[in-house]
mmCIF file of all heavy atoms, coordinates in Angstrom:
data_MODEL
# 
_entry.id   MODEL 
# 
loop_
_atom_site.group_PDB 
_atom_site.id 
_atom_site.type_symbol 
_atom_site.label_atom_id 
_atom_site.label_alt_id 
_atom_site.label_comp_id 
_atom_site.label_asym_id 
_atom_site.label_entity_id 
_atom_site.label_seq_id 
_atom_site.pdbx_PDB_ins_code 
_atom_site.Cartn_x 
_atom_site.Cartn_y 
_atom_site.Cartn_z 
_atom_site.occupancy 
_atom_site.B_iso_or_equiv 
_atom_site.pdbx_formal_charge 
_atom_site.auth_seq_id 
_atom_site.auth_comp_id 
_atom_site.auth_asym_id 
_atom_site.auth_atom_id 
_atom_site.pdbx_PDB_model_num 
ATOM 1   N N   . SER A 1 1  ? 42.981 -90.710 -39.585 1.00 0.00 ? 1  SER A N   1 
ATOM 2   C CA  . SER A 1 1  ? 43.922 -90.150 -40.510 1.00 0.00 ? 1  SER A CA  1 
ATOM 3   C C   . SER A 1 1  ? 45.067 -89.507 -39.750 1.00 0.00 ? 1  SER A C   1 
ATOM 4   O O   . SER A 1 1  ? 44.897 -88.926 -38.715 1.00 0.00 ? 1  SER A O   1 
ATOM 5   C CB  . SER A 1 1  ? 43.243 -89.061 -41.361 1.00 0.00 ? 1  SER A CB  1 
ATOM 6   O OG  . SER A 1 1  ? 42.163 -89.546 -42.107 1.00 0.00 ? 1  SER A OG  1 
ATOM 7   N N   . SER A 1 2  ? 46.255 -89.602 -40.249 1.00 0.00 ? 2  SER A N   1 
ATOM 8   C CA  . SER A 1 2  ? 47.417 -88.927 -39.696 1.00 0.00 ? 2  SER A CA  1 
ATOM 9   C C   . SER A 1 2  ? 47.404 -87.431 -40.225 1.00 0.00 ? 2  SER A C   1 
ATOM 10  O O   . SER A 1 2  ? 46.975 -87.229 -41.346 1.00 0.00 ? 2  SER A O   1 
ATOM 11  C CB  . SER A 1 2  ? 48.724 -89.600 -40.011 1.00 0.00 ? 2  SER A CB  1 
ATOM 12  O OG  . SER A 1 2  ? 48.904 -89.679 -41.433 1.00 0.00 ? 2  SER A OG  1 
ATOM 13  N N   . GLY A 1 3  ? 47.920 -86.529 -39.432 1.00 0.00 ? 3  GLY A N   1 
ATOM 14  C CA  . GLY A 1 3  ? 47.927 -85.156 -39.866 1.00 0.00 ? 3  GLY A CA  1 
ATOM 15  C C   . GLY A 1 3  ? 46.522 -84.593 -39.957 1.00 0.00 ? 3  GLY A C   1 
ATOM 16  O O   . GLY A 1 3  ? 45.744 -84.653 -38.994 1.00 0.00 ? 3  GLY A O   1 
ATOM 17  N N   . THR A 1 4  ? 46.191 -84.039 -41.118 1.00 0.00 ? 4  THR A N   1 
ATOM 18  C CA  . THR A 1 4  ? 44.867 -83.477 -41.329 1.00 0.00 ? 4  THR A CA  1 
ATOM 19  C C   . THR A 1 4  ? 43.759 -84.533 -41.314 1.00 0.00 ? 4  THR A C   1 
ATOM 20  O O   . THR A 1 4  ? 43.884 -85.528 -42.009 1.00 0.00 ? 4  THR A O   1 
ATOM 21  C CB  . THR A 1 4  ? 44.831 -82.702 -42.665 1.00 0.00 ? 4  THR A CB  1 
ATOM 22  O OG1 . THR A 1 4  ? 45.792 -81.647 -42.686 1.00 0.00 ? 4  THR A OG1 1 
ATOM 23  C CG2 . THR A 1 4  ? 43.416 -82.113 -42.927 1.00 0.00 ? 4  THR A CG2 1 
ATOM 24  N N   . LEU A 1 5  ? 42.747 -84.266 -40.522 1.00 0.00 ? 5  LEU A N   1 
ATOM 25  C CA  . LEU A 1 5  ? 41.617 -85.217 -40.400 1.00 0.00 ? 5  LEU A CA  1 
ATOM 26  C C   . LEU A 1 5  ? 40.663 -85.050 -41.571 1.00 0.00 ? 5  LEU A C   1 
ATOM 27  O O   . LEU A 1 5  ? 40.497 -83.945 -42.094 1.00 0.00 ? 5  LEU A O   1 
ATOM 28  C CB  . LEU A 1 5  ? 40.850 -84.998 -39.100 1.00 0.00 ? 5  LEU A CB  1 
ATOM 29  C CG  . LEU A 1 5  ? 41.634 -85.312 -37.790 1.00 0.00 ? 5  LEU A CG  1 
ATOM 30  C CD1 . LEU A 1 5  ? 40.824 -84.812 -36.577 1.00 0.00 ? 5  LEU A CD1 1 
ATOM 31  C CD2 . LEU A 1 5  ? 41.887 -86.848 -37.659 1.00 0.00 ? 5  LEU A CD2 1 
ATOM 32  N N   . ALA A 1 6  ? 39.990 -86.102 -41.956 1.00 0.00 ? 6  ALA A N   1 
ATOM 33  C CA  . ALA A 1 6  ? 38.947 -86.033 -42.936 1.00 0.00 ? 6  ALA A CA  1 
ATOM 34  C C   . ALA A 1 6  ? 37.740 -85.280 -42.316 1.00 0.00 ? 6  ALA A C   1 
ATOM 35  O O   . ALA A 1 6  ? 37.620 -85.222 -41.103 1.00 0.00 ? 6  ALA A O   1 
ATOM 36  C CB  . ALA A 1 6  ? 38.498 -87.435 -43.390 1.00 0.00 ? 6  ALA A CB  1 
ATOM 37  N N   . LEU A 1 7  ? 36.908 -84.702 -43.204 1.00 0.00 ? 7  LEU A N   1 
ATOM 38  C CA  . LEU A 1 7  ? 35.824 -83.890 -42.689 1.00 0.00 ? 7  LEU A CA  1 
ATOM 39  C C   . LEU A 1 7  ? 34.879 -84.695 -41.799 1.00 0.00 ? 7  LEU A C   1 
ATOM 40  O O   . LEU A 1 7  ? 34.480 -84.179 -40.697 1.00 0.00 ? 7  LEU A O   1 
ATOM 41  C CB  . LEU A 1 7  ? 35.017 -83.353 -43.898 1.00 0.00 ? 7  LEU A CB  1 
ATOM 42  C CG  . LEU A 1 7  ? 33.743 -82.543 -43.559 1.00 0.00 ? 7  LEU A CG  1 
ATOM 43  C CD1 . LEU A 1 7  ? 34.102 -81.298 -42.743 1.00 0.00 ? 7  LEU A CD1 1 
ATOM 44  C CD2 . LEU A 1 7  ? 32.988 -82.181 -44.841 1.00 0.00 ? 7  LEU A CD2 1 
ATOM 45  N N   . GLU A 1 8  ? 34.573 -85.944 -42.096 1.00 0.00 ? 8  GLU A N   1 
ATOM 46  C CA  . GLU A 1 8  ? 33.714 -86.744 -41.263 1.00 0.00 ? 8  GLU A CA  1 
ATOM 47  C C   . GLU A 1 8  ? 34.396 -87.014 -39.925 1.00 0.00 ? 8  GLU A C   1 
ATOM 48  O O   . GLU A 1 8  ? 33.705 -87.018 -38.878 1.00 0.00 ? 8  GLU A O   1 
ATOM 49  C CB  . GLU A 1 8  ? 33.384 -88.036 -41.946 1.00 0.00 ? 8  GLU A CB  1 
ATOM 50  C CG  . GLU A 1 8  ? 32.304 -88.894 -41.266 1.00 0.00 ? 8  GLU A CG  1 
ATOM 51  C CD  . GLU A 1 8  ? 30.950 -88.173 -41.212 1.00 0.00 ? 8  GLU A CD  1 
ATOM 52  O OE1 . GLU A 1 8  ? 30.694 -87.311 -42.031 1.00 0.00 ? 8  GLU A OE1 1 
ATOM 53  O OE2 . GLU A 1 8  ? 30.130 -88.566 -40.320 1.00 0.00 ? 8  GLU A OE2 1 
ATOM 54  N N   . GLU A 1 9  ? 35.712 -87.197 -39.917 1.00 0.00 ? 9  GLU A N   1 
ATOM 55  C CA  . GLU A 1 9  ? 36.432 -87.395 -38.647 1.00 0.00 ? 9  GLU A CA  1 
ATOM 56  C C   . GLU A 1 9  ? 36.346 -86.117 -37.797 1.00 0.00 ? 9  GLU A C   1 
ATOM 57  O O   . GLU A 1 9  ? 36.186 -86.222 -36.562 1.00 0.00 ? 9  GLU A O   1 
ATOM 58  C CB  . GLU A 1 9  ? 37.857 -87.721 -38.943 1.00 0.00 ? 9  GLU A CB  1 
ATOM 59  C CG  . GLU A 1 9  ? 38.065 -89.089 -39.559 1.00 0.00 ? 9  GLU A CG  1 
ATOM 60  C CD  . GLU A 1 9  ? 39.470 -89.387 -39.976 1.00 0.00 ? 9  GLU A CD  1 
ATOM 61  O OE1 . GLU A 1 9  ? 40.073 -88.517 -40.666 1.00 0.00 ? 9  GLU A OE1 1 
ATOM 62  O OE2 . GLU A 1 9  ? 40.051 -90.428 -39.616 1.00 0.00 ? 9  GLU A OE2 1 
ATOM 63  N N   . CYS A 1 10 ? 36.460 -84.930 -38.441 1.00 0.00 ? 10 CYS A N   1 
ATOM 64  C CA  . CYS A 1 10 ? 36.297 -83.697 -37.689 1.00 0.00 ? 10 CYS A CA  1 
ATOM 65  C C   . CYS A 1 10 ? 34.943 -83.619 -37.043 1.00 0.00 ? 10 CYS A C   1 
ATOM 66  O O   . CYS A 1 10 ? 34.785 -83.275 -35.874 1.00 0.00 ? 10 CYS A O   1 
ATOM 67  C CB  . CYS A 1 10 ? 36.526 -82.488 -38.630 1.00 0.00 ? 10 CYS A CB  1 
ATOM 68  S SG  . CYS A 1 10 ? 38.177 -82.377 -39.327 1.00 0.00 ? 10 CYS A SG  1 
ATOM 69  N N   . ARG A 1 11 ? 33.870 -83.915 -37.807 1.00 0.00 ? 11 ARG A N   1 
ATOM 70  C CA  . ARG A 1 11 ? 32.503 -83.837 -37.303 1.00 0.00 ? 11 ARG A CA  1 
ATOM 71  C C   . ARG A 1 11 ? 32.350 -84.839 -36.115 1.00 0.00 ? 11 ARG A C   1 
ATOM 72  O O   . ARG A 1 11 ? 31.751 -84.478 -35.080 1.00 0.00 ? 11 ARG A O   1 
ATOM 73  C CB  . ARG A 1 11 ? 31.483 -84.186 -38.367 1.00 0.00 ? 11 ARG A CB  1 
ATOM 74  C CG  . ARG A 1 11 ? 31.279 -83.148 -39.453 1.00 0.00 ? 11 ARG A CG  1 
ATOM 75  C CD  . ARG A 1 11 ? 29.909 -83.389 -40.116 1.00 0.00 ? 11 ARG A CD  1 
ATOM 76  N NE  . ARG A 1 11 ? 29.720 -82.530 -41.229 1.00 0.00 ? 11 ARG A NE  1 
ATOM 77  C CZ  . ARG A 1 11 ? 29.972 -82.856 -42.520 1.00 0.00 ? 11 ARG A CZ  1 
ATOM 78  N NH1 . ARG A 1 11 ? 30.400 -84.087 -42.789 1.00 0.00 ? 11 ARG A NH1 1 
ATOM 79  N NH2 . ARG A 1 11 ? 29.742 -81.992 -43.512 1.00 0.00 ? 11 ARG A NH2 1 
ATOM 80  N N   . ASN A 1 12 ? 32.859 -86.047 -36.310 1.00 0.00 ? 12 ASN A N   1 
ATOM 81  C CA  . ASN A 1 12 ? 32.651 -87.045 -35.232 1.00 0.00 ? 12 ASN A CA  1 
ATOM 82  C C   . ASN A 1 12 ? 33.344 -86.625 -33.956 1.00 0.00 ? 12 ASN A C   1 
ATOM 83  O O   . ASN A 1 12 ? 32.807 -86.854 -32.863 1.00 0.00 ? 12 ASN A O   1 
ATOM 84  C CB  . ASN A 1 12 ? 33.238 -88.361 -35.720 1.00 0.00 ? 12 ASN A CB  1 
ATOM 85  C CG  . ASN A 1 12 ? 32.439 -89.016 -36.833 1.00 0.00 ? 12 ASN A CG  1 
ATOM 86  O OD1 . ASN A 1 12 ? 31.270 -88.682 -37.022 1.00 0.00 ? 12 ASN A OD1 1 
ATOM 87  N ND2 . ASN A 1 12 ? 33.047 -89.962 -37.529 1.00 0.00 ? 12 ASN A ND2 1 
ATOM 88  N N   . ARG A 1 13 ? 34.530 -86.024 -34.031 1.00 0.00 ? 13 ARG A N   1 
ATOM 89  C CA  . ARG A 1 13 ? 35.252 -85.654 -32.824 1.00 0.00 ? 13 ARG A CA  1 
ATOM 90  C C   . ARG A 1 13 ? 34.596 -84.485 -32.088 1.00 0.00 ? 13 ARG A C   1 
ATOM 91  O O   . ARG A 1 13 ? 34.529 -84.442 -30.873 1.00 0.00 ? 13 ARG A O   1 
ATOM 92  C CB  . ARG A 1 13 ? 36.731 -85.322 -33.178 1.00 0.00 ? 13 ARG A CB  1 
ATOM 93  C CG  . ARG A 1 13 ? 37.512 -86.615 -33.308 1.00 0.00 ? 13 ARG A CG  1 
ATOM 94  C CD  . ARG A 1 13 ? 38.553 -86.555 -34.413 1.00 0.00 ? 13 ARG A CD  1 
ATOM 95  N NE  . ARG A 1 13 ? 39.150 -87.918 -34.576 1.00 0.00 ? 13 ARG A NE  1 
ATOM 96  C CZ  . ARG A 1 13 ? 38.486 -88.890 -35.243 1.00 0.00 ? 13 ARG A CZ  1 
ATOM 97  N NH1 . ARG A 1 13 ? 37.278 -88.700 -35.785 1.00 0.00 ? 13 ARG A NH1 1 
ATOM 98  N NH2 . ARG A 1 13 ? 39.027 -90.126 -35.316 1.00 0.00 ? 13 ARG A NH2 1 
ATOM 99  N N   . LEU A 1 14 ? 34.055 -83.529 -32.872 1.00 0.00 ? 14 LEU A N   1 
ATOM 100 C CA  . LEU A 1 14 ? 33.337 -82.406 -32.281 1.00 0.00 ? 14 LEU A CA  1 
ATOM 101 C C   . LEU A 1 14 ? 32.040 -82.890 -31.619 1.00 0.00 ? 14 LEU A C   1 
ATOM 102 O O   . LEU A 1 14 ? 31.646 -82.367 -30.557 1.00 0.00 ? 14 LEU A O   1 
ATOM 103 C CB  . LEU A 1 14 ? 33.102 -81.351 -33.324 1.00 0.00 ? 14 LEU A CB  1 
ATOM 104 C CG  . LEU A 1 14 ? 34.312 -80.665 -33.903 1.00 0.00 ? 14 LEU A CG  1 
ATOM 105 C CD1 . LEU A 1 14 ? 33.985 -79.756 -35.034 1.00 0.00 ? 14 LEU A CD1 1 
ATOM 106 C CD2 . LEU A 1 14 ? 35.054 -79.847 -32.801 1.00 0.00 ? 14 LEU A CD2 1 
ATOM 107 N N   . GLU A 1 15 ? 31.365 -83.805 -32.286 1.00 0.00 ? 15 GLU A N   1 
ATOM 108 C CA  . GLU A 1 15 ? 30.129 -84.363 -31.726 1.00 0.00 ? 15 GLU A CA  1 
ATOM 109 C C   . GLU A 1 15 ? 30.371 -85.061 -30.413 1.00 0.00 ? 15 GLU A C   1 
ATOM 110 O O   . GLU A 1 15 ? 29.665 -84.909 -29.441 1.00 0.00 ? 15 GLU A O   1 
ATOM 111 C CB  . GLU A 1 15 ? 29.479 -85.323 -32.713 1.00 0.00 ? 15 GLU A CB  1 
ATOM 112 C CG  . GLU A 1 15 ? 28.173 -85.899 -32.228 1.00 0.00 ? 15 GLU A CG  1 
ATOM 113 C CD  . GLU A 1 15 ? 27.479 -86.751 -33.271 1.00 0.00 ? 15 GLU A CD  1 
ATOM 114 O OE1 . GLU A 1 15 ? 27.750 -86.604 -34.465 1.00 0.00 ? 15 GLU A OE1 1 
ATOM 115 O OE2 . GLU A 1 15 ? 26.683 -87.665 -32.882 1.00 0.00 ? 15 GLU A OE2 1 
ATOM 116 N N   . ALA A 1 16 ? 31.490 -85.866 -30.395 1.00 0.00 ? 16 ALA A N   1 
ATOM 117 C CA  . ALA A 1 16 ? 31.811 -86.604 -29.188 1.00 0.00 ? 16 ALA A CA  1 
ATOM 118 C C   . ALA A 1 16 ? 32.223 -85.668 -28.046 1.00 0.00 ? 16 ALA A C   1 
ATOM 119 O O   . ALA A 1 16 ? 31.839 -85.887 -26.869 1.00 0.00 ? 16 ALA A O   1 
ATOM 120 C CB  . ALA A 1 16 ? 32.909 -87.623 -29.419 1.00 0.00 ? 16 ALA A CB  1 
ATOM 121 N N   . LEU A 1 17 ? 32.957 -84.611 -28.351 1.00 0.00 ? 17 LEU A N   1 
ATOM 122 C CA  . LEU A 1 17 ? 33.354 -83.641 -27.332 1.00 0.00 ? 17 LEU A CA  1 
ATOM 123 C C   . LEU A 1 17 ? 32.113 -82.957 -26.788 1.00 0.00 ? 17 LEU A C   1 
ATOM 124 O O   . LEU A 1 17 ? 32.015 -82.673 -25.558 1.00 0.00 ? 17 LEU A O   1 
ATOM 125 C CB  . LEU A 1 17 ? 34.325 -82.582 -27.849 1.00 0.00 ? 17 LEU A CB  1 
ATOM 126 C CG  . LEU A 1 17 ? 35.789 -83.021 -28.038 1.00 0.00 ? 17 LEU A CG  1 
ATOM 127 C CD1 . LEU A 1 17 ? 36.592 -81.791 -28.459 1.00 0.00 ? 17 LEU A CD1 1 
ATOM 128 C CD2 . LEU A 1 17 ? 36.339 -83.598 -26.749 1.00 0.00 ? 17 LEU A CD2 1 
ATOM 129 N N   . THR A 1 18 ? 31.198 -82.611 -27.632 1.00 0.00 ? 18 THR A N   1 
ATOM 130 C CA  . THR A 1 18 ? 29.927 -82.010 -27.155 1.00 0.00 ? 18 THR A CA  1 
ATOM 131 C C   . THR A 1 18 ? 29.175 -82.974 -26.213 1.00 0.00 ? 18 THR A C   1 
ATOM 132 O O   . THR A 1 18 ? 28.693 -82.609 -25.154 1.00 0.00 ? 18 THR A O   1 
ATOM 133 C CB  . THR A 1 18 ? 29.021 -81.644 -28.351 1.00 0.00 ? 18 THR A CB  1 
ATOM 134 O OG1 . THR A 1 18 ? 29.707 -80.692 -29.165 1.00 0.00 ? 18 THR A OG1 1 
ATOM 135 C CG2 . THR A 1 18 ? 27.709 -81.050 -27.879 1.00 0.00 ? 18 THR A CG2 1 
ATOM 136 N N   . GLU A 1 19 ? 29.082 -84.241 -26.650 1.00 0.00 ? 19 GLU A N   1 
ATOM 137 C CA  . GLU A 1 19 ? 28.332 -85.233 -25.824 1.00 0.00 ? 19 GLU A CA  1 
ATOM 138 C C   . GLU A 1 19 ? 29.043 -85.511 -24.509 1.00 0.00 ? 19 GLU A C   1 
ATOM 139 O O   . GLU A 1 19 ? 28.389 -85.826 -23.521 1.00 0.00 ? 19 GLU A O   1 
ATOM 140 C CB  . GLU A 1 19 ? 28.201 -86.527 -26.642 1.00 0.00 ? 19 GLU A CB  1 
ATOM 141 C CG  . GLU A 1 19 ? 27.270 -86.402 -27.862 1.00 0.00 ? 19 GLU A CG  1 
ATOM 142 C CD  . GLU A 1 19 ? 27.423 -87.539 -28.830 1.00 0.00 ? 19 GLU A CD  1 
ATOM 143 O OE1 . GLU A 1 19 ? 28.434 -88.250 -28.803 1.00 0.00 ? 19 GLU A OE1 1 
ATOM 144 O OE2 . GLU A 1 19 ? 26.508 -87.744 -29.651 1.00 0.00 ? 19 GLU A OE2 1 
ATOM 145 N N   . ALA A 1 20 ? 30.344 -85.385 -24.496 1.00 0.00 ? 20 ALA A N   1 
ATOM 146 C CA  . ALA A 1 20 ? 31.130 -85.597 -23.221 1.00 0.00 ? 20 ALA A CA  1 
ATOM 147 C C   . ALA A 1 20 ? 30.716 -84.558 -22.192 1.00 0.00 ? 20 ALA A C   1 
ATOM 148 O O   . ALA A 1 20 ? 30.705 -84.824 -20.954 1.00 0.00 ? 20 ALA A O   1 
ATOM 149 C CB  . ALA A 1 20 ? 32.599 -85.521 -23.494 1.00 0.00 ? 20 ALA A CB  1 
ATOM 150 N N   . ASN A 1 21 ? 30.361 -83.345 -22.636 1.00 0.00 ? 21 ASN A N   1 
ATOM 151 C CA  . ASN A 1 21 ? 29.931 -82.280 -21.711 1.00 0.00 ? 21 ASN A CA  1 
ATOM 152 C C   . ASN A 1 21 ? 30.900 -82.089 -20.550 1.00 0.00 ? 21 ASN A C   1 
ATOM 153 O O   . ASN A 1 21 ? 30.534 -82.014 -19.376 1.00 0.00 ? 21 ASN A O   1 
ATOM 154 C CB  . ASN A 1 21 ? 28.503 -82.615 -21.180 1.00 0.00 ? 21 ASN A CB  1 
ATOM 155 C CG  . ASN A 1 21 ? 27.773 -81.344 -20.768 1.00 0.00 ? 21 ASN A CG  1 
ATOM 156 O OD1 . ASN A 1 21 ? 28.210 -80.208 -21.026 1.00 0.00 ? 21 ASN A OD1 1 
ATOM 157 N ND2 . ASN A 1 21 ? 26.604 -81.540 -20.129 1.00 0.00 ? 21 ASN A ND2 1 
ATOM 158 N N   . GLU A 1 22 ? 32.181 -81.891 -20.916 1.00 0.00 ? 22 GLU A N   1 
ATOM 159 C CA  . GLU A 1 22 ? 33.223 -81.800 -19.904 1.00 0.00 ? 22 GLU A CA  1 
ATOM 160 C C   . GLU A 1 22 ? 33.781 -80.367 -19.819 1.00 0.00 ? 22 GLU A C   1 
ATOM 161 O O   . GLU A 1 22 ? 34.897 -80.120 -19.354 1.00 0.00 ? 22 GLU A O   1 
ATOM 162 C CB  . GLU A 1 22 ? 34.382 -82.768 -20.206 1.00 0.00 ? 22 GLU A CB  1 
ATOM 163 C CG  . GLU A 1 22 ? 33.989 -84.239 -20.111 1.00 0.00 ? 22 GLU A CG  1 
ATOM 164 C CD  . GLU A 1 22 ? 33.938 -84.696 -18.697 1.00 0.00 ? 22 GLU A CD  1 
ATOM 165 O OE1 . GLU A 1 22 ? 34.416 -84.010 -17.781 1.00 0.00 ? 22 GLU A OE1 1 
ATOM 166 O OE2 . GLU A 1 22 ? 33.412 -85.809 -18.462 1.00 0.00 ? 22 GLU A OE2 1 
ATOM 167 N N   . VAL A 1 23 ? 33.015 -79.384 -20.312 1.00 0.00 ? 23 VAL A N   1 
ATOM 168 C CA  . VAL A 1 23 ? 33.434 -77.994 -20.138 1.00 0.00 ? 23 VAL A CA  1 
ATOM 169 C C   . VAL A 1 23 ? 32.661 -77.423 -18.921 1.00 0.00 ? 23 VAL A C   1 
ATOM 170 O O   . VAL A 1 23 ? 31.434 -77.360 -18.948 1.00 0.00 ? 23 VAL A O   1 
ATOM 171 C CB  . VAL A 1 23 ? 33.115 -77.155 -21.419 1.00 0.00 ? 23 VAL A CB  1 
ATOM 172 C CG1 . VAL A 1 23 ? 33.538 -75.663 -21.180 1.00 0.00 ? 23 VAL A CG1 1 
ATOM 173 C CG2 . VAL A 1 23 ? 33.813 -77.714 -22.632 1.00 0.00 ? 23 VAL A CG2 1 
ATOM 174 N N   . TYR A 1 24 ? 33.397 -77.063 -17.923 1.00 0.00 ? 24 TYR A N   1 
ATOM 175 C CA  . TYR A 1 24 ? 32.787 -76.699 -16.631 1.00 0.00 ? 24 TYR A CA  1 
ATOM 176 C C   . TYR A 1 24 ? 32.935 -75.214 -16.321 1.00 0.00 ? 24 TYR A C   1 
ATOM 177 O O   . TYR A 1 24 ? 34.010 -74.626 -16.573 1.00 0.00 ? 24 TYR A O   1 
ATOM 178 C CB  . TYR A 1 24 ? 33.419 -77.486 -15.484 1.00 0.00 ? 24 TYR A CB  1 
ATOM 179 C CG  . TYR A 1 24 ? 33.273 -79.008 -15.656 1.00 0.00 ? 24 TYR A CG  1 
ATOM 180 C CD1 . TYR A 1 24 ? 34.303 -79.786 -16.061 1.00 0.00 ? 24 TYR A CD1 1 
ATOM 181 C CD2 . TYR A 1 24 ? 32.034 -79.602 -15.355 1.00 0.00 ? 24 TYR A CD2 1 
ATOM 182 C CE1 . TYR A 1 24 ? 34.198 -81.180 -16.213 1.00 0.00 ? 24 TYR A CE1 1 
ATOM 183 C CE2 . TYR A 1 24 ? 31.893 -80.994 -15.496 1.00 0.00 ? 24 TYR A CE2 1 
ATOM 184 C CZ  . TYR A 1 24 ? 32.961 -81.753 -15.903 1.00 0.00 ? 24 TYR A CZ  1 
ATOM 185 O OH  . TYR A 1 24 ? 32.777 -83.112 -16.052 1.00 0.00 ? 24 TYR A OH  1 
ATOM 186 N N   . PHE A 1 25 ? 31.889 -74.614 -15.720 1.00 0.00 ? 25 PHE A N   1 
ATOM 187 C CA  . PHE A 1 25 ? 31.899 -73.266 -15.273 1.00 0.00 ? 25 PHE A CA  1 
ATOM 188 C C   . PHE A 1 25 ? 31.515 -73.201 -13.802 1.00 0.00 ? 25 PHE A C   1 
ATOM 189 O O   . PHE A 1 25 ? 30.758 -74.072 -13.309 1.00 0.00 ? 25 PHE A O   1 
ATOM 190 C CB  . PHE A 1 25 ? 30.910 -72.415 -16.122 1.00 0.00 ? 25 PHE A CB  1 
ATOM 191 C CG  . PHE A 1 25 ? 31.209 -72.382 -17.560 1.00 0.00 ? 25 PHE A CG  1 
ATOM 192 C CD1 . PHE A 1 25 ? 30.688 -73.310 -18.419 1.00 0.00 ? 25 PHE A CD1 1 
ATOM 193 C CD2 . PHE A 1 25 ? 32.046 -71.382 -18.087 1.00 0.00 ? 25 PHE A CD2 1 
ATOM 194 C CE1 . PHE A 1 25 ? 30.959 -73.283 -19.774 1.00 0.00 ? 25 PHE A CE1 1 
ATOM 195 C CE2 . PHE A 1 25 ? 32.356 -71.355 -19.434 1.00 0.00 ? 25 PHE A CE2 1 
ATOM 196 C CZ  . PHE A 1 25 ? 31.811 -72.281 -20.315 1.00 0.00 ? 25 PHE A CZ  1 
ATOM 197 N N   . SER A 1 26 ? 31.928 -72.169 -13.148 1.00 0.00 ? 26 SER A N   1 
ATOM 198 C CA  . SER A 1 26 ? 31.409 -71.922 -11.818 1.00 0.00 ? 26 SER A CA  1 
ATOM 199 C C   . SER A 1 26 ? 29.939 -71.638 -11.904 1.00 0.00 ? 26 SER A C   1 
ATOM 200 O O   . SER A 1 26 ? 29.425 -71.133 -12.872 1.00 0.00 ? 26 SER A O   1 
ATOM 201 C CB  . SER A 1 26 ? 32.149 -70.729 -11.171 1.00 0.00 ? 26 SER A CB  1 
ATOM 202 O OG  . SER A 1 26 ? 33.518 -70.965 -11.088 1.00 0.00 ? 26 SER A OG  1 
ATOM 203 N N   . SER A 1 27 ? 29.200 -72.040 -10.880 1.00 0.00 ? 27 SER A N   1 
ATOM 204 C CA  . SER A 1 27 ? 27.723 -71.928 -10.875 1.00 0.00 ? 27 SER A CA  1 
ATOM 205 C C   . SER A 1 27 ? 27.264 -70.498 -11.148 1.00 0.00 ? 27 SER A C   1 
ATOM 206 O O   . SER A 1 27 ? 27.710 -69.569 -10.482 1.00 0.00 ? 27 SER A O   1 
ATOM 207 C CB  . SER A 1 27 ? 27.181 -72.418 -9.512  1.00 0.00 ? 27 SER A CB  1 
ATOM 208 O OG  . SER A 1 27 ? 25.779 -72.281 -9.486  1.00 0.00 ? 27 SER A OG  1 
ATOM 209 N N   . GLY A 1 28 ? 26.418 -70.372 -12.179 1.00 0.00 ? 28 GLY A N   1 
ATOM 210 C CA  . GLY A 1 28 ? 25.838 -69.098 -12.490 1.00 0.00 ? 28 GLY A CA  1 
ATOM 211 C C   . GLY A 1 28 ? 26.792 -68.056 -13.075 1.00 0.00 ? 28 GLY A C   1 
ATOM 212 O O   . GLY A 1 28 ? 26.462 -66.918 -13.276 1.00 0.00 ? 28 GLY A O   1 
ATOM 213 N N   . SER A 1 29 ? 28.009 -68.551 -13.484 1.00 0.00 ? 29 SER A N   1 
ATOM 214 C CA  . SER A 1 29 ? 28.992 -67.612 -14.051 1.00 0.00 ? 29 SER A CA  1 
ATOM 215 C C   . SER A 1 29 ? 29.555 -68.159 -15.342 1.00 0.00 ? 29 SER A C   1 
ATOM 216 O O   . SER A 1 29 ? 29.309 -69.296 -15.720 1.00 0.00 ? 29 SER A O   1 
ATOM 217 C CB  . SER A 1 29 ? 30.082 -67.304 -13.031 1.00 0.00 ? 29 SER A CB  1 
ATOM 218 O OG  . SER A 1 29 ? 31.087 -68.324 -13.086 1.00 0.00 ? 29 SER A OG  1 
ATOM 219 N N   . ALA A 1 30 ? 30.421 -67.345 -15.970 1.00 0.00 ? 30 ALA A N   1 
ATOM 220 C CA  . ALA A 1 30 ? 31.094 -67.753 -17.211 1.00 0.00 ? 30 ALA A CA  1 
ATOM 221 C C   . ALA A 1 30 ? 32.544 -67.975 -16.954 1.00 0.00 ? 30 ALA A C   1 
ATOM 222 O O   . ALA A 1 30 ? 33.375 -67.987 -17.907 1.00 0.00 ? 30 ALA A O   1 
ATOM 223 C CB  . ALA A 1 30 ? 30.879 -66.698 -18.265 1.00 0.00 ? 30 ALA A CB  1 
# 
């Protein structure tokens, strides 16, 4: 969808970002 995403599109994108696991932290820290 252009502009505002449909609810299912929002869910799918958040699920894929979670599965990508590309949020990195220094070891043992936040």
